Amino acid sequence: MVAAVTGSTTATVPRIATTCMSAGSCSAQVTKQLAIGGEIFHQTATVAFGSTDPAATKATTGVNIGAIYDVDEHNHILVSVGTGLQNASTTNLFSWYLAYQITGP
């Protein structure tokens, strides 16, 4: 099974910042225990009122790939790696996570 998701959001915090983020993702169940997926996202420049930090105002576009491995019905290992494609040196040169998830009945 392949699933695709797209979406966007705009966040405005009065007198602090305004930004818009859009993303799309796709995932596939490769085996009974393994699902893999990827996403591409874009976030507009953050307009941080009074900010002098150039990294806080740059737009970013990036990609991530990830996987979920079902050890059994209740135990899961999640992993993701990604990088920025636009302004990566100041917004997202490399990101990753590794997680262990326990689900119940």
PDB file of N, CA and C in Angstrom:
ATOM      1  N   MET A   1       0.835  -1.177   0.000  1.00  0.00           N
ATOM      2  CA  MET A   1       0.000   0.000   0.000  1.00  0.00           C
ATOM      3  C   MET A   1       0.878   1.238   0.000  1.00  0.00           C
ATOM      4  N   VAL A   2       0.507   2.203  -0.783  1.00  0.00           N
ATOM      5  CA  VAL A   2       1.219   3.474  -0.844  1.00  0.00           C
ATOM      6  C   VAL A   2       0.264   4.568  -0.397  1.00  0.00           C
ATOM      7  N   ALA A   3       0.743   5.446   0.457  1.00  0.00           N
ATOM      8  CA  ALA A   3      -0.070   6.556   0.932  1.00  0.00           C
ATOM      9  C   ALA A   3       0.635   7.859   0.630  1.00  0.00           C
ATOM     10  N   ALA A   4      -0.103   8.880   0.274  1.00  0.00           N
ATOM     11  CA  ALA A   4       0.458  10.193   0.003  1.00  0.00           C
ATOM     12  C   ALA A   4      -0.324  11.230   0.791  1.00  0.00           C
ATOM     13  N   VAL A   5       0.376  12.197   1.344  1.00  0.00           N
ATOM     14  CA  VAL A   5      -0.244  13.236   2.142  1.00  0.00           C
ATOM     15  C   VAL A   5       0.367  14.569   1.746  1.00  0.00           C
ATOM     16  N   THR A   6      -0.463  15.594   1.630  1.00  0.00           N
ATOM     17  CA  THR A   6       0.037  16.941   1.410  1.00  0.00           C
ATOM     18  C   THR A   6      -0.671  17.864   2.373  1.00  0.00           C
ATOM     19  N   GLY A   7      -0.074  18.991   2.657  1.00  0.00           N
ATOM     20  CA  GLY A   7      -0.719  19.927   3.551  1.00  0.00           C
ATOM     21  C   GLY A   7       0.072  21.202   3.675  1.00  0.00           C
ATOM     22  N   SER A   8      -0.540  22.177   4.307  1.00  0.00           N
ATOM     23  CA  SER A   8       0.154  23.434   4.563  1.00  0.00           C
ATOM     24  C   SER A   8      -0.447  24.083   5.791  1.00  0.00           C
ATOM     25  N   THR A   9       0.322  24.969   6.373  1.00  0.00           N
ATOM     26  CA  THR A   9      -0.133  25.695   7.548  1.00  0.00           C
ATOM     27  C   THR A   9       0.514  27.067   7.574  1.00  0.00           C
ATOM     28  N   THR A  10      -0.151  28.002   8.167  1.00  0.00           N
ATOM     29  CA  THR A  10       0.402  29.338   8.367  1.00  0.00           C
ATOM     30  C   THR A  10       0.315  29.643   9.845  1.00  0.00           C
ATOM     31  N   ALA A  11       1.401  30.126  10.393  1.00  0.00           N
ATOM     32  CA  ALA A  11       1.426  30.470  11.810  1.00  0.00           C
ATOM     33  C   ALA A  11       1.753  31.945  11.973  1.00  0.00           C
ATOM     34  N   THR A  12       0.952  32.630  12.724  1.00  0.00           N
ATOM     35  CA  THR A  12       1.216  34.026  13.042  1.00  0.00           C
ATOM     36  C   THR A  12       1.084  34.201  14.543  1.00  0.00           C
ATOM     37  N   VAL A  13       2.129  34.655  15.148  1.00  0.00           N
ATOM     38  CA  VAL A  13       2.113  34.982  16.564  1.00  0.00           C
ATOM     39  C   VAL A  13       2.247  36.496  16.631  1.00  0.00           C
ATOM     40  N   PRO A  14       1.211  37.201  17.092  1.00  0.00           N
ATOM     41  CA  PRO A  14       1.239  38.662  17.064  1.00  0.00           C
ATOM     42  C   PRO A  14       2.526  39.244  17.663  1.00  0.00           C
ATOM     43  N   ARG A  15       3.115  40.155  16.919  1.00  0.00           N
ATOM     44  CA  ARG A  15       4.324  40.887  17.309  1.00  0.00           C
ATOM     45  C   ARG A  15       5.542  39.992  17.452  1.00  0.00           C
ATOM     46  N   ILE A  16       5.478  38.715  16.999  1.00  0.00           N
ATOM     47  CA  ILE A  16       6.643  37.844  17.099  1.00  0.00           C
ATOM     48  C   ILE A  16       7.083  37.357  15.723  1.00  0.00           C
ATOM     49  N   ALA A  17       6.234  36.596  15.016  1.00  0.00           N
ATOM     50  CA  ALA A  17       6.688  36.023  13.749  1.00  0.00           C
ATOM     51  C   ALA A  17       5.518  35.558  12.896  1.00  0.00           C
ATOM     52  N   THR A  18       5.770  35.457  11.583  1.00  0.00           N
ATOM     53  CA  THR A  18       4.819  34.891  10.636  1.00  0.00           C
ATOM     54  C   THR A  18       5.583  33.960   9.715  1.00  0.00           C
ATOM     55  N   THR A  19       5.050  32.769   9.473  1.00  0.00           N
ATOM     56  CA  THR A  19       5.684  31.821   8.572  1.00  0.00           C
ATOM     57  C   THR A  19       4.623  30.910   7.973  1.00  0.00           C
ATOM     58  N   CYS A  20       4.924  30.315   6.830  1.00  0.00           N
ATOM     59  CA  CYS A  20       4.026  29.367   6.183  1.00  0.00           C
ATOM     60  C   CYS A  20       4.832  28.121   5.838  1.00  0.00           C
ATOM     61  N   MET A  21       4.283  26.948   6.101  1.00  0.00           N
ATOM     62  CA  MET A  21       4.985  25.704   5.811  1.00  0.00           C
ATOM     63  C   MET A  21       4.083  24.799   4.991  1.00  0.00           C
ATOM     64  N   SER A  22       4.630  24.221   3.924  1.00  0.00           N
ATOM     65  CA  SER A  22       3.920  23.265   3.089  1.00  0.00           C
ATOM     66  C   SER A  22       4.757  22.001   2.981  1.00  0.00           C
ATOM     67  N   ALA A  23       4.090  20.853   2.906  1.00  0.00           N
ATOM     68  CA  ALA A  23       4.826  19.591   2.833  1.00  0.00           C
ATOM     69  C   ALA A  23       4.012  18.546   2.094  1.00  0.00           C
ATOM     70  N   GLY A  24       4.716  17.593   1.544  1.00  0.00           N
ATOM     71  CA  GLY A  24       4.088  16.453   0.917  1.00  0.00           C
ATOM     72  C   GLY A  24       4.872  15.209   1.273  1.00  0.00           C
ATOM     73  N   SER A  25       4.189  14.113   1.463  1.00  0.00           N
ATOM     74  CA  SER A  25       4.885  12.885   1.838  1.00  0.00           C
ATOM     75  C   SER A  25       4.258  11.683   1.150  1.00  0.00           C
ATOM     76  N   CYS A  26       5.026  10.618   1.105  1.00  0.00           N
ATOM     77  CA  CYS A  26       4.574   9.377   0.492  1.00  0.00           C
ATOM     78  C   CYS A  26       5.203   8.232   1.279  1.00  0.00           C
ATOM     79  N   SER A  27       4.442   7.195   1.547  1.00  0.00           N
ATOM     80  CA  SER A  27       4.992   6.046   2.269  1.00  0.00           C
ATOM     81  C   SER A  27       4.470   4.750   1.657  1.00  0.00           C
ATOM     82  N   ALA A  28       5.221   3.694   1.885  1.00  0.00           N
ATOM     83  CA  ALA A  28       4.840   2.386   1.346  1.00  0.00           C
ATOM     84  C   ALA A  28       5.178   1.302   2.360  1.00  0.00           C
ATOM     85  N   GLN A  29       4.276   0.336   2.499  1.00  0.00           N
ATOM     86  CA  GLN A  29       4.513  -0.829   3.339  1.00  0.00           C
ATOM     87  C   GLN A  29       5.292  -1.823   2.487  1.00  0.00           C
ATOM     88  N   VAL A  30       6.605  -1.952   2.736  1.00  0.00           N
ATOM     89  CA  VAL A  30       7.485  -2.778   1.913  1.00  0.00           C
ATOM     90  C   VAL A  30       7.343  -4.255   2.259  1.00  0.00           C
ATOM     91  N   THR A  31       7.334  -4.552   3.542  1.00  0.00           N
ATOM     92  CA  THR A  31       7.098  -5.910   4.027  1.00  0.00           C
ATOM     93  C   THR A  31       6.085  -5.814   5.165  1.00  0.00           C
ATOM     94  N   LYS A  32       5.714  -6.942   5.724  1.00  0.00           N
ATOM     95  CA  LYS A  32       4.766  -6.929   6.840  1.00  0.00           C
ATOM     96  C   LYS A  32       5.297  -6.111   8.014  1.00  0.00           C
ATOM     97  N   GLN A  33       6.607  -6.085   8.186  1.00  0.00           N
ATOM     98  CA  GLN A  33       7.208  -5.401   9.327  1.00  0.00           C
ATOM     99  C   GLN A  33       7.842  -4.054   8.992  1.00  0.00           C
ATOM    100  N   LEU A  34       8.013  -3.710   7.720  1.00  0.00           N
ATOM    101  CA  LEU A  34       8.781  -2.516   7.349  1.00  0.00           C
ATOM    102  C   LEU A  34       7.989  -1.583   6.441  1.00  0.00           C
ATOM    103  N   ALA A  35       7.895  -0.335   6.880  1.00  0.00           N
ATOM    104  CA  ALA A  35       7.314   0.729   6.058  1.00  0.00           C
ATOM    105  C   ALA A  35       8.383   1.795   5.851  1.00  0.00           C
ATOM    106  N   ILE A  36       8.495   2.308   4.637  1.00  0.00           N
ATOM    107  CA  ILE A  36       9.444   3.385   4.353  1.00  0.00           C
ATOM    108  C   ILE A  36       8.678   4.551   3.742  1.00  0.00           C
ATOM    109  N   GLY A  37       9.264   5.731   3.866  1.00  0.00           N
ATOM    110  CA  GLY A  37       8.591   6.896   3.318  1.00  0.00           C
ATOM    111  C   GLY A  37       9.543   8.057   3.144  1.00  0.00           C
ATOM    112  N   GLY A  38       9.035   9.067   2.534  1.00  0.00           N
ATOM    113  CA  GLY A  38       9.812  10.275   2.316  1.00  0.00           C
ATOM    114  C   GLY A  38       8.911  11.484   2.297  1.00  0.00           C
ATOM    115  N   GLU A  39       9.513  12.644   2.492  1.00  0.00           N
ATOM    116  CA  GLU A  39       8.757  13.885   2.446  1.00  0.00           C
ATOM    117  C   GLU A  39       9.628  14.989   1.888  1.00  0.00           C
ATOM    118  N   ILE A  40       8.980  15.963   1.320  1.00  0.00           N
ATOM    119  CA  ILE A  40       9.635  17.193   0.916  1.00  0.00           C
ATOM    120  C   ILE A  40       8.820  18.326   1.532  1.00  0.00           C
ATOM    121  N   PHE A  41       9.498  19.332   2.028  1.00  0.00           N
ATOM    122  CA  PHE A  41       8.790  20.422   2.696  1.00  0.00           C
ATOM    123  C   PHE A  41       9.437  21.758   2.356  1.00  0.00           C
ATOM    124  N   HIS A  42       8.655  22.800   2.504  1.00  0.00           N
ATOM    125  CA  HIS A  42       9.153  24.162   2.310  1.00  0.00           C
ATOM    126  C   HIS A  42       8.550  25.050   3.375  1.00  0.00           C
ATOM    127  N   GLN A  43       9.376  25.877   3.960  1.00  0.00           N
ATOM    128  CA  GLN A  43       8.908  26.860   4.936  1.00  0.00           C
ATOM    129  C   GLN A  43       9.374  28.219   4.485  1.00  0.00           C
ATOM    130  N   THR A  44       8.438  29.162   4.427  1.00  0.00           N
ATOM    131  CA  THR A  44       8.795  30.506   4.012  1.00  0.00           C
ATOM    132  C   THR A  44       9.687  31.151   5.060  1.00  0.00           C
ATOM    133  N   ALA A  45      10.288  32.241   4.671  1.00  0.00           N
ATOM    134  CA  ALA A  45      11.132  32.977   5.603  1.00  0.00           C
ATOM    135  C   ALA A  45      10.308  33.390   6.815  1.00  0.00           C
ATOM    136  N   THR A  46      10.898  33.276   7.967  1.00  0.00           N
ATOM    137  CA  THR A  46      10.245  33.699   9.203  1.00  0.00           C
ATOM    138  C   THR A  46      10.463  35.191   9.362  1.00  0.00           C
ATOM    139  N   VAL A  47       9.397  35.909   9.455  1.00  0.00           N
ATOM    140  CA  VAL A  47       9.502  37.342   9.675  1.00  0.00           C
ATOM    141  C   VAL A  47       9.466  37.548  11.179  1.00  0.00           C
ATOM    142  N   ALA A  48      10.649  37.537  11.767  1.00  0.00           N
ATOM    143  CA  ALA A  48      10.756  37.692  13.214  1.00  0.00           C
ATOM    144  C   ALA A  48      10.922  39.175  13.518  1.00  0.00           C
ATOM    145  N   PHE A  49       9.931  39.762  14.085  1.00  0.00           N
ATOM    146  CA  PHE A  49       9.952  41.195  14.350  1.00  0.00           C
ATOM    147  C   PHE A  49      11.079  41.541  15.308  1.00  0.00           C
ATOM    148  N   GLY A  50      11.950  42.418  14.864  1.00  0.00           N
ATOM    149  CA  GLY A  50      13.072  42.844  15.683  1.00  0.00           C
ATOM    150  C   GLY A  50      14.257  41.902  15.626  1.00  0.00           C
ATOM    151  N   SER A  51      14.167  40.820  14.850  1.00  0.00           N
ATOM    152  CA  SER A  51      15.262  39.857  14.791  1.00  0.00           C
ATOM    153  C   SER A  51      16.405  40.393  13.948  1.00  0.00           C
ATOM    154  N   THR A  52      17.610  40.175  14.427  1.00  0.00           N
ATOM    155  CA  THR A  52      18.806  40.526  13.654  1.00  0.00           C
ATOM    156  C   THR A  52      19.563  39.274  13.247  1.00  0.00           C
ATOM    157  N   ASP A  53      19.029  38.108  13.563  1.00  0.00           N
ATOM    158  CA  ASP A  53      19.648  36.834  13.219  1.00  0.00           C
ATOM    159  C   ASP A  53      19.262  36.454  11.799  1.00  0.00           C
ATOM    160  N   PRO A  54      20.228  36.456  10.838  1.00  0.00           N
ATOM    161  CA  PRO A  54      19.881  36.142   9.455  1.00  0.00           C
ATOM    162  C   PRO A  54      19.298  34.740   9.282  1.00  0.00           C
ATOM    163  N   ALA A  55      19.706  33.786  10.096  1.00  0.00           N
ATOM    164  CA  ALA A  55      19.184  32.422   9.979  1.00  0.00           C
ATOM    165  C   ALA A  55      17.709  32.367  10.337  1.00  0.00           C
ATOM    166  N   ALA A  56      17.262  33.292  11.157  1.00  0.00           N
ATOM    167  CA  ALA A  56      15.867  33.293  11.596  1.00  0.00           C
ATOM    168  C   ALA A  56      14.928  33.825  10.524  1.00  0.00           C
ATOM    169  N   THR A  57      15.462  34.374   9.443  1.00  0.00           N
ATOM    170  CA  THR A  57      14.601  34.977   8.439  1.00  0.00           C
ATOM    171  C   THR A  57      14.687  34.296   7.074  1.00  0.00           C
ATOM    172  N   LYS A  58      15.487  33.235   6.919  1.00  0.00           N
ATOM    173  CA  LYS A  58      15.652  32.583   5.626  1.00  0.00           C
ATOM    174  C   LYS A  58      14.622  31.480   5.401  1.00  0.00           C
ATOM    175  N   ALA A  59      14.182  31.369   4.157  1.00  0.00           N
ATOM    176  CA  ALA A  59      13.289  30.277   3.772  1.00  0.00           C
ATOM    177  C   ALA A  59      14.092  28.982   3.724  1.00  0.00           C
ATOM    178  N   THR A  60      13.411  27.860   3.852  1.00  0.00           N
ATOM    179  CA  THR A  60      14.090  26.573   3.782  1.00  0.00           C
ATOM    180  C   THR A  60      13.235  25.555   3.037  1.00  0.00           C
ATOM    181  N   THR A  61      13.888  24.721   2.273  1.00  0.00           N
ATOM    182  CA  THR A  61      13.273  23.580   1.609  1.00  0.00           C
ATOM    183  C   THR A  61      14.126  22.371   1.959  1.00  0.00           C
ATOM    184  N   GLY A  62      13.511  21.253   2.254  1.00  0.00           N
ATOM    185  CA  GLY A  62      14.290  20.078   2.644  1.00  0.00           C
ATOM    186  C   GLY A  62      13.589  18.777   2.304  1.00  0.00           C
ATOM    187  N   VAL A  63      14.326  17.698   2.477  1.00  0.00           N
ATOM    188  CA  VAL A  63      13.805  16.356   2.248  1.00  0.00           C
ATOM    189  C   VAL A  63      14.173  15.457   3.423  1.00  0.00           C
ATOM    190  N   ASN A  64      13.329  14.503   3.700  1.00  0.00           N
ATOM    191  CA  ASN A  64      13.576  13.499   4.737  1.00  0.00           C
ATOM    192  C   ASN A  64      13.163  12.136   4.204  1.00  0.00           C
ATOM    193  N   ILE A  65      13.868  11.110   4.630  1.00  0.00           N
ATOM    194  CA  ILE A  65      13.432   9.738   4.383  1.00  0.00           C
ATOM    195  C   ILE A  65      13.391   9.032   5.729  1.00  0.00           C
ATOM    196  N   GLY A  66      12.488   8.099   5.865  1.00  0.00           N
ATOM    197  CA  GLY A  66      12.363   7.432   7.145  1.00  0.00           C
ATOM    198  C   GLY A  66      11.792   6.035   7.008  1.00  0.00           C
ATOM    199  N   ALA A  67      11.801   5.336   8.115  1.00  0.00           N
ATOM    200  CA  ALA A  67      11.297   3.964   8.136  1.00  0.00           C
ATOM    201  C   ALA A  67      10.715   3.653   9.509  1.00  0.00           C
ATOM    202  N   ILE A  68       9.756   2.745   9.501  1.00  0.00           N
ATOM    203  CA  ILE A  68       9.207   2.189  10.737  1.00  0.00           C
ATOM    204  C   ILE A  68       9.339   0.680  10.639  1.00  0.00           C
ATOM    205  N   TYR A  69      10.002   0.098  11.618  1.00  0.00           N
ATOM    206  CA  TYR A  69      10.162  -1.350  11.677  1.00  0.00           C
ATOM    207  C   TYR A  69       9.359  -1.874  12.859  1.00  0.00           C
ATOM    208  N   ASP A  70       8.399  -2.740  12.576  1.00  0.00           N
ATOM    209  CA  ASP A  70       7.569  -3.334  13.620  1.00  0.00           C
ATOM    210  C   ASP A  70       8.261  -4.578  14.156  1.00  0.00           C
ATOM    211  N   VAL A  71       8.834  -4.451  15.351  1.00  0.00           N
ATOM    212  CA  VAL A  71       9.485  -5.596  15.992  1.00  0.00           C
ATOM    213  C   VAL A  71       8.432  -6.664  16.285  1.00  0.00           C
ATOM    214  N   ASP A  72       7.309  -6.223  16.832  1.00  0.00           N
ATOM    215  CA  ASP A  72       6.136  -7.077  17.037  1.00  0.00           C
ATOM    216  C   ASP A  72       4.926  -6.148  17.089  1.00  0.00           C
ATOM    217  N   GLU A  73       3.808  -6.653  17.532  1.00  0.00           N
ATOM    218  CA  GLU A  73       2.569  -5.876  17.525  1.00  0.00           C
ATOM    219  C   GLU A  73       2.649  -4.593  18.357  1.00  0.00           C
ATOM    220  N   HIS A  74       3.455  -4.590  19.407  1.00  0.00           N
ATOM    221  CA  HIS A  74       3.485  -3.456  20.325  1.00  0.00           C
ATOM    222  C   HIS A  74       4.814  -2.693  20.361  1.00  0.00           C
ATOM    223  N   ASN A  75       5.831  -3.152  19.672  1.00  0.00           N
ATOM    224  CA  ASN A  75       7.154  -2.519  19.724  1.00  0.00           C
ATOM    225  C   ASN A  75       7.598  -2.134  18.317  1.00  0.00           C
ATOM    226  N   HIS A  76       8.045  -0.876  18.189  1.00  0.00           N
ATOM    227  CA  HIS A  76       8.373  -0.338  16.874  1.00  0.00           C
ATOM    228  C   HIS A  76       9.637   0.516  16.963  1.00  0.00           C
ATOM    229  N   ILE A  77      10.440   0.473  15.917  1.00  0.00           N
ATOM    230  CA  ILE A  77      11.634   1.307  15.820  1.00  0.00           C
ATOM    231  C   ILE A  77      11.412   2.280  14.667  1.00  0.00           C
ATOM    232  N   LEU A  78      11.618   3.564  14.939  1.00  0.00           N
ATOM    233  CA  LEU A  78      11.422   4.606  13.944  1.00  0.00           C
ATOM    234  C   LEU A  78      12.766   5.287  13.684  1.00  0.00           C
ATOM    235  N   VAL A  79      13.051   5.586  12.429  1.00  0.00           N
ATOM    236  CA  VAL A  79      14.292   6.257  12.078  1.00  0.00           C
ATOM    237  C   VAL A  79      14.012   7.225  10.932  1.00  0.00           C
ATOM    238  N   SER A  80      14.695   8.363  10.943  1.00  0.00           N
ATOM    239  CA  SER A  80      14.542   9.347   9.881  1.00  0.00           C
ATOM    240  C   SER A  80      15.852  10.114   9.712  1.00  0.00           C
ATOM    241  N   VAL A  81      16.178  10.441   8.473  1.00  0.00           N
ATOM    242  CA  VAL A  81      17.322  11.308   8.171  1.00  0.00           C
ATOM    243  C   VAL A  81      16.886  12.300   7.108  1.00  0.00           C
ATOM    244  N   GLY A  82      17.486  13.479   7.144  1.00  0.00           N
ATOM    245  CA  GLY A  82      17.108  14.480   6.164  1.00  0.00           C
ATOM    246  C   GLY A  82      18.121  15.596   6.064  1.00  0.00           C
ATOM    247  N   THR A  83      17.900  16.441   5.081  1.00  0.00           N
ATOM    248  CA  THR A  83      18.786  17.585   4.869  1.00  0.00           C
ATOM    249  C   THR A  83      18.008  18.704   4.194  1.00  0.00           C
ATOM    250  N   GLY A  84      18.540  19.887   4.314  1.00  0.00           N
ATOM    251  CA  GLY A  84      17.965  21.025   3.632  1.00  0.00           C
ATOM    252  C   GLY A  84      18.462  21.094   2.198  1.00  0.00           C
ATOM    253  N   LEU A  85      17.645  21.625   1.326  1.00  0.00           N
ATOM    254  CA  LEU A  85      18.026  21.839  -0.057  1.00  0.00           C
ATOM    255  C   LEU A  85      18.234  23.326  -0.339  1.00  0.00           C
ATOM    256  N   GLN A  86      17.595  24.159   0.435  1.00  0.00           N
ATOM    257  CA  GLN A  86      17.671  25.606   0.275  1.00  0.00           C
ATOM    258  C   GLN A  86      18.145  26.207   1.590  1.00  0.00           C
ATOM    259  N   ASN A  87      19.186  27.007   1.535  1.00  0.00           N
ATOM    260  CA  ASN A  87      19.764  27.643   2.727  1.00  0.00           C
ATOM    261  C   ASN A  87      20.124  26.615   3.801  1.00  0.00           C
ATOM    262  N   ALA A  88      20.585  25.462   3.370  1.00  0.00           N
ATOM    263  CA  ALA A  88      20.855  24.364   4.300  1.00  0.00           C
ATOM    264  C   ALA A  88      21.910  24.715   5.343  1.00  0.00           C
ATOM    265  N   SER A  89      22.901  25.495   4.977  1.00  0.00           N
ATOM    266  CA  SER A  89      23.980  25.784   5.931  1.00  0.00           C
ATOM    267  C   SER A  89      23.501  26.581   7.136  1.00  0.00           C
ATOM    268  N   THR A  90      22.371  27.276   7.006  1.00  0.00           N
ATOM    269  CA  THR A  90      21.861  28.040   8.143  1.00  0.00           C
ATOM    270  C   THR A  90      20.522  27.535   8.676  1.00  0.00           C
ATOM    271  N   THR A  91      19.867  26.611   7.950  1.00  0.00           N
ATOM    272  CA  THR A  91      18.548  26.179   8.401  1.00  0.00           C
ATOM    273  C   THR A  91      18.447  24.687   8.732  1.00  0.00           C
ATOM    274  N   ASN A  92      19.138  23.819   7.975  1.00  0.00           N
ATOM    275  CA  ASN A  92      19.008  22.378   8.223  1.00  0.00           C
ATOM    276  C   ASN A  92      20.062  21.628   7.415  1.00  0.00           C
ATOM    277  N   LEU A  93      21.282  21.664   7.882  1.00  0.00           N
ATOM    278  CA  LEU A  93      22.349  20.971   7.165  1.00  0.00           C
ATOM    279  C   LEU A  93      22.145  19.459   7.220  1.00  0.00           C
ATOM    280  N   PHE A  94      21.767  18.943   8.385  1.00  0.00           N
ATOM    281  CA  PHE A  94      21.508  17.518   8.555  1.00  0.00           C
ATOM    282  C   PHE A  94      20.628  17.331   9.787  1.00  0.00           C
ATOM    283  N   SER A  95      19.612  16.496   9.654  1.00  0.00           N
ATOM    284  CA  SER A  95      18.768  16.185  10.811  1.00  0.00           C
ATOM    285  C   SER A  95      18.474  14.699  10.817  1.00  0.00           C
ATOM    286  N   TRP A  96      18.253  14.166  12.017  1.00  0.00           N
ATOM    287  CA  TRP A  96      17.974  12.743  12.146  1.00  0.00           C
ATOM    288  C   TRP A  96      17.256  12.485  13.465  1.00  0.00           C
ATOM    289  N   TYR A  97      16.594  11.344  13.522  1.00  0.00           N
ATOM    290  CA  TYR A  97      16.101  10.867  14.806  1.00  0.00           C
ATOM    291  C   TYR A  97      15.971   9.361  14.784  1.00  0.00           C
ATOM    292  N   LEU A  98      16.054   8.814  15.949  1.00  0.00           N
ATOM    293  CA  LEU A  98      15.893   7.375  16.171  1.00  0.00           C
ATOM    294  C   LEU A  98      14.983   7.265  17.382  1.00  0.00           C
ATOM    295  N   ALA A  99      13.917   6.477  17.258  1.00  0.00           N
ATOM    296  CA  ALA A  99      12.962   6.389  18.347  1.00  0.00           C
ATOM    297  C   ALA A  99      12.489   4.946  18.521  1.00  0.00           C
ATOM    298  N   TYR A 100      12.073   4.673  19.748  1.00  0.00           N
ATOM    299  CA  TYR A 100      11.480   3.384  20.090  1.00  0.00           C
ATOM    300  C   TYR A 100      10.056   3.669  20.539  1.00  0.00           C
ATOM    301  N   GLN A 101       9.077   3.026  19.940  1.00  0.00           N
ATOM    302  CA  GLN A 101       7.674   3.286  20.238  1.00  0.00           C
ATOM    303  C   GLN A 101       7.017   2.019  20.783  1.00  0.00           C
ATOM    304  N   ILE A 102       6.268   2.216  21.858  1.00  0.00           N
ATOM    305  CA  ILE A 102       5.486   1.131  22.450  1.00  0.00           C
ATOM    306  C   ILE A 102       4.009   1.490  22.280  1.00  0.00           C
ATOM    307  N   THR A 103       3.247   0.587  21.670  1.00  0.00           N
ATOM    308  CA  THR A 103       1.812   0.804  21.512  1.00  0.00           C
ATOM    309  C   THR A 103       1.062  -0.255  22.304  1.00  0.00           C
ATOM    310  N   GLY A 104      -0.115   0.111  22.748  1.00  0.00           N
ATOM    311  CA  GLY A 104      -0.886  -0.806  23.574  1.00  0.00           C
ATOM    312  C   GLY A 104      -2.125  -1.306  22.869  1.00  0.00           C
ATOM    313  N   PRO A 105      -2.829  -2.179  23.540  1.00  0.00           N
ATOM    314  CA  PRO A 105      -4.062  -2.738  22.965  1.00  0.00           C
ATOM    315  C   PRO A 105      -5.176  -1.719  22.863  1.00  0.00           C
TER     316      PRO A 105
END
